C-alpha atoms as a PDB file:
ATOM      1  CA  MET A   1     106.067   0.939 -51.975  1.00  0.00           C
ATOM      2  CA  THR A   2     105.359   2.153 -48.469  1.00  0.00           C
ATOM      3  CA  GLU A   3     107.385   1.264 -45.412  1.00  0.00           C
ATOM      4  CA  TYR A   4     104.230  -0.326 -43.996  1.00  0.00           C
ATOM      5  CA  ARG A   5     104.099  -2.746 -46.911  1.00  0.00           C
ATOM      6  CA  LYS A   6     107.776  -3.601 -46.586  1.00  0.00           C
ATOM      7  CA  ILE A   7     107.440  -4.380 -42.892  1.00  0.00           C
ATOM      8  CA  ASN A   8     103.863  -5.536 -42.366  1.00  0.00           C
ATOM      9  CA  ARG A   9     103.271  -7.387 -45.615  1.00  0.00           C
ATOM     10  CA  ASP A  10     106.542  -8.339 -47.282  1.00  0.00           C
ATOM     11  CA  ALA A  11     108.579  -9.198 -44.186  1.00  0.00           C
ATOM     12  CA  THR A  12     105.663 -11.160 -42.706  1.00  0.00           C
ATOM     13  CA  LEU A  13     105.135 -13.199 -45.866  1.00  0.00           C
ATOM     14  CA  LYS A  14     108.850 -13.878 -46.216  1.00  0.00           C
ATOM     15  CA  LEU A  15     109.014 -15.056 -42.591  1.00  0.00           C
ATOM     16  CA  ALA A  16     105.905 -17.226 -43.016  1.00  0.00           C
ATOM     17  CA  THR A  17     107.282 -18.794 -46.198  1.00  0.00           C
ATOM     18  CA  LYS A  18     110.559 -19.619 -44.418  1.00  0.00           C
ATOM     19  CA  ALA A  19     108.623 -20.957 -41.436  1.00  0.00           C
ATOM     20  CA  ALA A  20     106.535 -23.233 -43.646  1.00  0.00           C
ATOM     21  CA  SER A  21     109.577 -24.549 -45.500  1.00  0.00           C
ATOM     22  CA  SER A  22     111.249 -25.223 -42.137  1.00  0.00           C
ATOM     23  CA  GLY A  23     108.355 -27.376 -40.975  1.00  0.00           C
ATOM     24  CA  VAL A  24     106.573 -24.920 -38.681  1.00  0.00           C
ATOM     25  CA  LYS A  25     103.057 -26.260 -38.107  1.00  0.00           C
ATOM     26  CA  ARG A  26     101.300 -23.054 -37.019  1.00  0.00           C
ATOM     27  CA  PHE A  27     102.010 -19.369 -37.623  1.00  0.00           C
ATOM     28  CA  VAL A  28     100.284 -16.727 -35.463  1.00  0.00           C
ATOM     29  CA  TYR A  29     100.034 -13.295 -37.055  1.00  0.00           C
ATOM     30  CA  VAL A  30      99.245 -10.229 -34.967  1.00  0.00           C
ATOM     31  CA  SER A  31      97.342  -7.972 -37.325  1.00  0.00           C
ATOM     32  CA  SER A  32      95.201  -4.995 -36.277  1.00  0.00           C
ATOM     33  CA  ILE A  33      91.540  -4.263 -35.656  1.00  0.00           C
ATOM     34  CA  LYS A  34      92.058  -1.373 -38.093  1.00  0.00           C
ATOM     35  CA  VAL A  35      91.717  -3.963 -40.879  1.00  0.00           C
ATOM     36  CA  ASN A  36      87.984  -3.904 -40.074  1.00  0.00           C
ATOM     37  CA  GLY A  37      87.760  -0.139 -40.585  1.00  0.00           C
ATOM     38  CA  LYS A  38      87.352   2.900 -38.387  1.00  0.00           C
ATOM     39  CA  VAL A  39      83.692   2.757 -37.405  1.00  0.00           C
ATOM     40  CA  THR A  40      81.029   0.247 -36.502  1.00  0.00           C
ATOM     41  CA  LEU A  41      77.283   0.455 -36.653  1.00  0.00           C
ATOM     42  CA  PRO A  42      75.635   1.794 -33.461  1.00  0.00           C
ATOM     43  CA  ASN A  43      75.601  -0.796 -30.649  1.00  0.00           C
ATOM     44  CA  ARG A  44      77.510  -3.331 -32.728  1.00  0.00           C
ATOM     45  CA  ALA A  45      81.116  -4.377 -32.260  1.00  0.00           C
ATOM     46  CA  PHE A  46      83.408  -5.608 -34.997  1.00  0.00           C
ATOM     47  CA  HIS A  47      83.182  -9.348 -35.696  1.00  0.00           C
ATOM     48  CA  PRO A  48      85.853 -11.591 -37.218  1.00  0.00           C
ATOM     49  CA  ASP A  49      83.607 -12.412 -40.178  1.00  0.00           C
ATOM     50  CA  ASP A  50      82.912  -8.747 -41.052  1.00  0.00           C
ATOM     51  CA  CYS A  51      84.084  -7.580 -44.458  1.00  0.00           C
ATOM     52  CA  SER A  52      87.489  -5.960 -44.187  1.00  0.00           C
ATOM     53  CA  LYS A  53      87.593  -2.204 -44.751  1.00  0.00           C
ATOM     54  CA  PRO A  54      91.186  -1.036 -44.404  1.00  0.00           C
ATOM     55  CA  ASP A  55      91.232   2.713 -44.945  1.00  0.00           C
ATOM     56  CA  ASP A  56      94.841   3.774 -44.564  1.00  0.00           C
ATOM     57  CA  LEU A  57      98.270   2.492 -45.624  1.00  0.00           C
ATOM     58  CA  TYR A  58      98.908   0.794 -42.273  1.00  0.00           C
ATOM     59  CA  SER A  59      95.647  -1.171 -42.171  1.00  0.00           C
ATOM     60  CA  LEU A  60      95.924  -1.987 -45.880  1.00  0.00           C
ATOM     61  CA  SER A  61      99.396  -3.462 -45.356  1.00  0.00           C
ATOM     62  CA  LYS A  62      98.103  -5.569 -42.466  1.00  0.00           C
ATOM     63  CA  TYR A  63      95.173  -6.771 -44.605  1.00  0.00           C
ATOM     64  CA  GLU A  64      97.481  -7.633 -47.493  1.00  0.00           C
ATOM     65  CA  ALA A  65      99.652  -9.647 -45.104  1.00  0.00           C
ATOM     66  CA  GLU A  66      96.576 -11.554 -43.895  1.00  0.00           C
ATOM     67  CA  GLU A  67      95.541 -12.341 -47.463  1.00  0.00           C
ATOM     68  CA  GLY A  68      99.070 -13.445 -48.332  1.00  0.00           C
ATOM     69  CA  LEU A  69      99.216 -15.689 -45.273  1.00  0.00           C
ATOM     70  CA  LEU A  70      95.950 -17.372 -46.227  1.00  0.00           C
ATOM     71  CA  LYS A  71      97.431 -18.047 -49.680  1.00  0.00           C
ATOM     72  CA  ILE A  72     100.529 -19.584 -48.065  1.00  0.00           C
ATOM     73  CA  VAL A  73      98.178 -21.870 -46.104  1.00  0.00           C
ATOM     74  CA  THR A  74      96.740 -23.278 -49.316  1.00  0.00           C
ATOM     75  CA  GLU A  75     100.197 -23.712 -50.855  1.00  0.00           C
ATOM     76  CA  THR A  76     101.985 -25.264 -47.865  1.00  0.00           C
ATOM     77  CA  GLY A  77      99.450 -26.668 -45.422  1.00  0.00           C
ATOM     78  CA  MET A  78     100.926 -24.622 -42.573  1.00  0.00           C
ATOM     79  CA  GLU A  79      98.215 -23.406 -40.204  1.00  0.00           C
ATOM     80  CA  VAL A  80      97.754 -19.666 -39.730  1.00  0.00           C
ATOM     81  CA  VAL A  81      95.938 -17.898 -36.919  1.00  0.00           C
ATOM     82  CA  ILE A  82      95.228 -14.192 -37.351  1.00  0.00           C
ATOM     83  CA  VAL A  83      94.733 -12.036 -34.260  1.00  0.00           C
ATOM     84  CA  ARG A  84      93.308  -8.527 -34.737  1.00  0.00           C
ATOM     85  CA  PRO A  85      93.751  -6.833 -31.380  1.00  0.00           C
ATOM     86  CA  PRO A  86      92.224  -3.488 -30.491  1.00  0.00           C
ATOM     87  CA  THR A  87      94.330  -0.836 -28.770  1.00  0.00           C
ATOM     88  CA  VAL A  88      96.901  -2.520 -26.534  1.00  0.00           C
ATOM     89  CA  TYR A  89      97.715  -0.867 -23.234  1.00  0.00           C
ATOM     90  CA  GLY A  90     100.551  -1.480 -20.852  1.00  0.00           C
ATOM     91  CA  PRO A  91     103.880   0.070 -19.880  1.00  0.00           C
ATOM     92  CA  SER A  92     104.945   2.880 -22.241  1.00  0.00           C
ATOM     93  CA  VAL A  93     101.602   2.947 -24.070  1.00  0.00           C
ATOM     94  CA  LYS A  94     101.419   5.591 -26.776  1.00  0.00           C
ATOM     95  CA  SER A  95      98.792   7.267 -28.968  1.00  0.00           C
ATOM     96  CA  ASN A  96      95.400   8.438 -27.718  1.00  0.00           C
ATOM     97  CA  PHE A  97      95.523   6.042 -24.783  1.00  0.00           C
ATOM     98  CA  ALA A  98      98.596   7.868 -23.428  1.00  0.00           C
ATOM     99  CA  VAL A  99      96.801  11.194 -23.854  1.00  0.00           C
ATOM    100  CA  MET A 100      93.822   9.858 -21.894  1.00  0.00           C
ATOM    101  CA  ILE A 101      96.085   8.633 -19.074  1.00  0.00           C
ATOM    102  CA  ASN A 102      97.743  12.042 -18.977  1.00  0.00           C
ATOM    103  CA  TRP A 103      94.340  13.719 -18.598  1.00  0.00           C
ATOM    104  CA  ILE A 104      93.393  11.320 -15.808  1.00  0.00           C
ATOM    105  CA  THR A 105      96.624  11.992 -13.898  1.00  0.00           C
ATOM    106  CA  LYS A 106      95.844  15.733 -14.140  1.00  0.00           C
ATOM    107  CA  ASN A 107      92.297  15.123 -12.825  1.00  0.00           C
ATOM    108  CA  ILE A 108      90.734  16.429 -16.011  1.00  0.00           C
ATOM    109  CA  PRO A 109      87.130  15.197 -16.182  1.00  0.00           C
ATOM    110  CA  LEU A 110      86.432  12.879 -19.078  1.00  0.00           C
ATOM    111  CA  SER A 111      82.902  12.967 -20.484  1.00  0.00           C
ATOM    112  CA  PHE A 112      82.806   9.504 -22.030  1.00  0.00           C
ATOM    113  CA  GLY A 113      79.038   9.345 -21.553  1.00  0.00           C
ATOM    114  CA  ALA A 114      78.647  12.043 -24.199  1.00  0.00           C
ATOM    115  CA  VAL A 115      80.636  10.073 -26.765  1.00  0.00           C
ATOM    116  CA  ASP A 116      78.876   7.593 -29.034  1.00  0.00           C
ATOM    117  CA  ASN A 117      82.081   5.888 -30.124  1.00  0.00           C
ATOM    118  CA  LYS A 118      82.833   2.844 -27.998  1.00  0.00           C
ATOM    119  CA  ARG A 119      86.290   1.313 -28.043  1.00  0.00           C
ATOM    120  CA  SER A 120      87.785  -1.894 -26.784  1.00  0.00           C
ATOM    121  CA  PHE A 121      91.207  -2.263 -25.248  1.00  0.00           C
ATOM    122  CA  ILE A 122      93.363  -5.210 -24.289  1.00  0.00           C
ATOM    123  CA  ALA A 123      96.157  -5.309 -21.748  1.00  0.00           C
ATOM    124  CA  LEU A 124      99.533  -6.336 -23.126  1.00  0.00           C
ATOM    125  CA  ASP A 125      99.680  -9.325 -20.744  1.00  0.00           C
ATOM    126  CA  ASN A 126      96.268 -10.518 -21.916  1.00  0.00           C
ATOM    127  CA  LEU A 127      97.268 -10.194 -25.573  1.00  0.00           C
ATOM    128  CA  VAL A 128     100.368 -12.269 -24.889  1.00  0.00           C
ATOM    129  CA  ASP A 129      98.123 -14.935 -23.305  1.00  0.00           C
ATOM    130  CA  VAL A 130      95.907 -14.923 -26.409  1.00  0.00           C
ATOM    131  CA  ILE A 131      98.917 -15.336 -28.693  1.00  0.00           C
ATOM    132  CA  ILE A 132     100.294 -18.198 -26.598  1.00  0.00           C
ATOM    133  CA  LEU A 133      96.903 -19.926 -26.664  1.00  0.00           C
ATOM    134  CA  CYS A 134      96.589 -19.483 -30.430  1.00  0.00           C
ATOM    135  CA  ALA A 135     100.067 -20.934 -30.942  1.00  0.00           C
ATOM    136  CA  ASP A 136      99.321 -24.007 -28.823  1.00  0.00           C
ATOM    137  CA  ILE A 137      98.073 -26.670 -31.230  1.00  0.00           C
ATOM    138  CA  LYS A 138      96.790 -28.936 -28.457  1.00  0.00           C
ATOM    139  CA  ARG A 139      94.935 -26.233 -26.527  1.00  0.00           C
ATOM    140  CA  SER A 140      93.421 -24.510 -29.572  1.00  0.00           C
ATOM    141  CA  PRO A 141      92.739 -27.163 -32.203  1.00  0.00           C
ATOM    142  CA  GLN A 142      89.998 -25.107 -33.887  1.00  0.00           C
ATOM    143  CA  ALA A 143      92.028 -21.897 -34.270  1.00  0.00           C
ATOM    144  CA  PRO A 144      93.781 -22.600 -37.603  1.00  0.00           C
ATOM    145  CA  ASN A 145      92.948 -20.342 -40.532  1.00  0.00           C
ATOM    146  CA  LYS A 146      90.623 -18.174 -38.457  1.00  0.00           C
ATOM    147  CA  VAL A 147      90.580 -14.528 -37.463  1.00  0.00           C
ATOM    148  CA  PHE A 148      90.246 -13.486 -33.835  1.00  0.00           C
END
């Protein structure tokens, strides 16, 4: 079993099961846009109702957690909201986003116009706002058991 499965799937499902048995009404799970796959069709963004296409151990573990959470919903009645954010940027950002920032600070020209691979990003503060909204039963009554 991979570490991703232990953390992303097993720990999440154990926490959700405990939450449900403790009377928690709504569980918000932060998954990953990688569950949708690596590429989209030209001029088309990912949509929540797209078929999932996890293609590595990380995205597969996130997908398995989502599926397990939806099963817990049917067994317990606890609401689940799944959020699949794109790359999150903010203080101490890592990965390719950090590389891009490094290039910008060195005044290296970036030829994004030549790239046919559009990406979305979300600021950490905005993601936190989304999570808070999804957790608020009164402010988001239609969010349960959906993917955002």
